[in-house]
C-alpha atoms as a PDB file:
ATOM      1  CA  MET A   1     133.260  71.875  85.216  1.00  0.00           C
ATOM      2  CA  SER A   2     130.877  74.822  85.169  1.00  0.00           C
ATOM      3  CA  ALA A   3     130.967  77.634  87.665  1.00  0.00           C
ATOM      4  CA  ILE A   4     128.299  78.254  90.274  1.00  0.00           C
ATOM      5  CA  ILE A   5     127.314  81.828  91.040  1.00  0.00           C
ATOM      6  CA  HIS A   6     125.612  82.382  94.397  1.00  0.00           C
ATOM      7  CA  VAL A   7     123.201  85.317  94.362  1.00  0.00           C
ATOM      8  CA  ILE A   8     121.182  86.995  97.109  1.00  0.00           C
ATOM      9  CA  ALA A   9     117.851  88.430  95.949  1.00  0.00           C
ATOM     10  CA  LYS A  10     116.505  91.445  97.847  1.00  0.00           C
ATOM     11  CA  ARG A  11     113.034  92.764  97.119  1.00  0.00           C
ATOM     12  CA  TRP A  12     112.363  96.425  96.460  1.00  0.00           C
ATOM     13  CA  GLU A  13     109.261  98.235  95.245  1.00  0.00           C
ATOM     14  CA  ARG A  14     109.923  97.666  91.519  1.00  0.00           C
ATOM     15  CA  GLY A  15     111.507  94.237  91.549  1.00  0.00           C
ATOM     16  CA  TRP A  16     114.548  92.452  92.901  1.00  0.00           C
ATOM     17  CA  ASP A  17     118.191  93.391  93.383  1.00  0.00           C
ATOM     18  CA  LEU A  18     120.422  90.441  92.548  1.00  0.00           C
ATOM     19  CA  ILE A  19     123.593  90.715  94.604  1.00  0.00           C
ATOM     20  CA  LEU A  20     126.520  88.689  93.276  1.00  0.00           C
ATOM     21  CA  ASP A  21     129.079  90.289  95.617  1.00  0.00           C
ATOM     22  CA  GLU A  22     129.780  93.695  97.141  1.00  0.00           C
ATOM     23  CA  ASP A  23     130.813  95.137  93.766  1.00  0.00           C
ATOM     24  CA  ASN A  24     128.353  93.409  91.404  1.00  0.00           C
ATOM     25  CA  VAL A  25     124.600  93.930  91.540  1.00  0.00           C
ATOM     26  CA  THR A  26     121.951  93.772  88.860  1.00  0.00           C
ATOM     27  CA  SER A  27     118.167  94.012  89.008  1.00  0.00           C
ATOM     28  CA  VAL A  28     115.162  92.233  87.602  1.00  0.00           C
ATOM     29  CA  THR A  29     111.428  92.918  87.877  1.00  0.00           C
ATOM     30  CA  ASP A  30     110.362  89.271  88.069  1.00  0.00           C
ATOM     31  CA  LEU A  31     112.310  86.724  90.100  1.00  0.00           C
ATOM     32  CA  ASP A  32     111.475  84.070  87.484  1.00  0.00           C
ATOM     33  CA  ASN A  33     113.881  85.865  85.127  1.00  0.00           C
ATOM     34  CA  ALA A  34     116.703  86.178  87.665  1.00  0.00           C
ATOM     35  CA  GLU A  35     118.930  83.338  86.406  1.00  0.00           C
ATOM     36  CA  GLN A  36     119.014  84.681  82.860  1.00  0.00           C
ATOM     37  CA  GLN A  37     119.535  88.241  84.112  1.00  0.00           C
ATOM     38  CA  VAL A  38     122.579  87.098  86.107  1.00  0.00           C
ATOM     39  CA  ARG A  39     124.033  85.374  83.034  1.00  0.00           C
ATOM     40  CA  ASP A  40     123.361  88.464  80.921  1.00  0.00           C
ATOM     41  CA  TYR A  41     125.025  90.660  83.544  1.00  0.00           C
ATOM     42  CA  LEU A  42     128.072  88.385  83.656  1.00  0.00           C
ATOM     43  CA  GLY A  43     128.263  88.700  79.890  1.00  0.00           C
ATOM     44  CA  THR A  44     128.556  92.474  80.197  1.00  0.00           C
ATOM     45  CA  ILE A  45     131.428  92.337  82.681  1.00  0.00           C
ATOM     46  CA  GLU A  46     133.176  89.370  81.024  1.00  0.00           C
ATOM     47  CA  PRO A  47     132.191  89.575  77.346  1.00  0.00           C
ATOM     48  CA  ASN A  48     134.767  87.003  76.191  1.00  0.00           C
ATOM     49  CA  VAL A  49     133.460  84.275  78.511  1.00  0.00           C
ATOM     50  CA  ASP A  50     130.554  81.961  77.681  1.00  0.00           C
ATOM     51  CA  HIS A  51     128.250  82.011  80.718  1.00  0.00           C
ATOM     52  CA  SER A  52     125.532  79.793  79.237  1.00  0.00           C
ATOM     53  CA  GLY A  53     126.685  76.839  81.357  1.00  0.00           C
ATOM     54  CA  THR A  54     127.042  78.827  84.565  1.00  0.00           C
ATOM     55  CA  ALA A  55     124.831  77.513  87.345  1.00  0.00           C
ATOM     56  CA  VAL A  56     123.028  80.259  89.240  1.00  0.00           C
ATOM     57  CA  SER A  57     121.958  79.682  92.840  1.00  0.00           C
ATOM     58  CA  ILE A  58     119.496  82.310  94.041  1.00  0.00           C
ATOM     59  CA  LYS A  59     118.649  82.711  97.699  1.00  0.00           C
ATOM     60  CA  VAL A  60     116.008  85.202  98.778  1.00  0.00           C
ATOM     61  CA  SER A  61     117.322  87.438 101.540  1.00  0.00           C
ATOM     62  CA  PRO A  62     116.008  86.155 104.887  1.00  0.00           C
ATOM     63  CA  GLU A  63     114.254  89.454 105.680  1.00  0.00           C
ATOM     64  CA  GLN A  64     112.311  89.358 102.399  1.00  0.00           C
ATOM     65  CA  GLU A  65     108.950  87.771 101.712  1.00  0.00           C
ATOM     66  CA  LEU A  66     107.887  86.386  98.343  1.00  0.00           C
END
């Protein structure tokens, strides 16, 4: 069974902050690349784990507009 990572996306002037939890945040300029960026980030904090099958659920912060 693959893991599901729930991410909150918050817009800022140069892209999006992708908040995994209070200690883990990464950024991306284009929201279309957010899923891969989250997997890449997970690979940096857990290099011995294969994250290719990790499902990424991205929710835009309610106060943000696309």
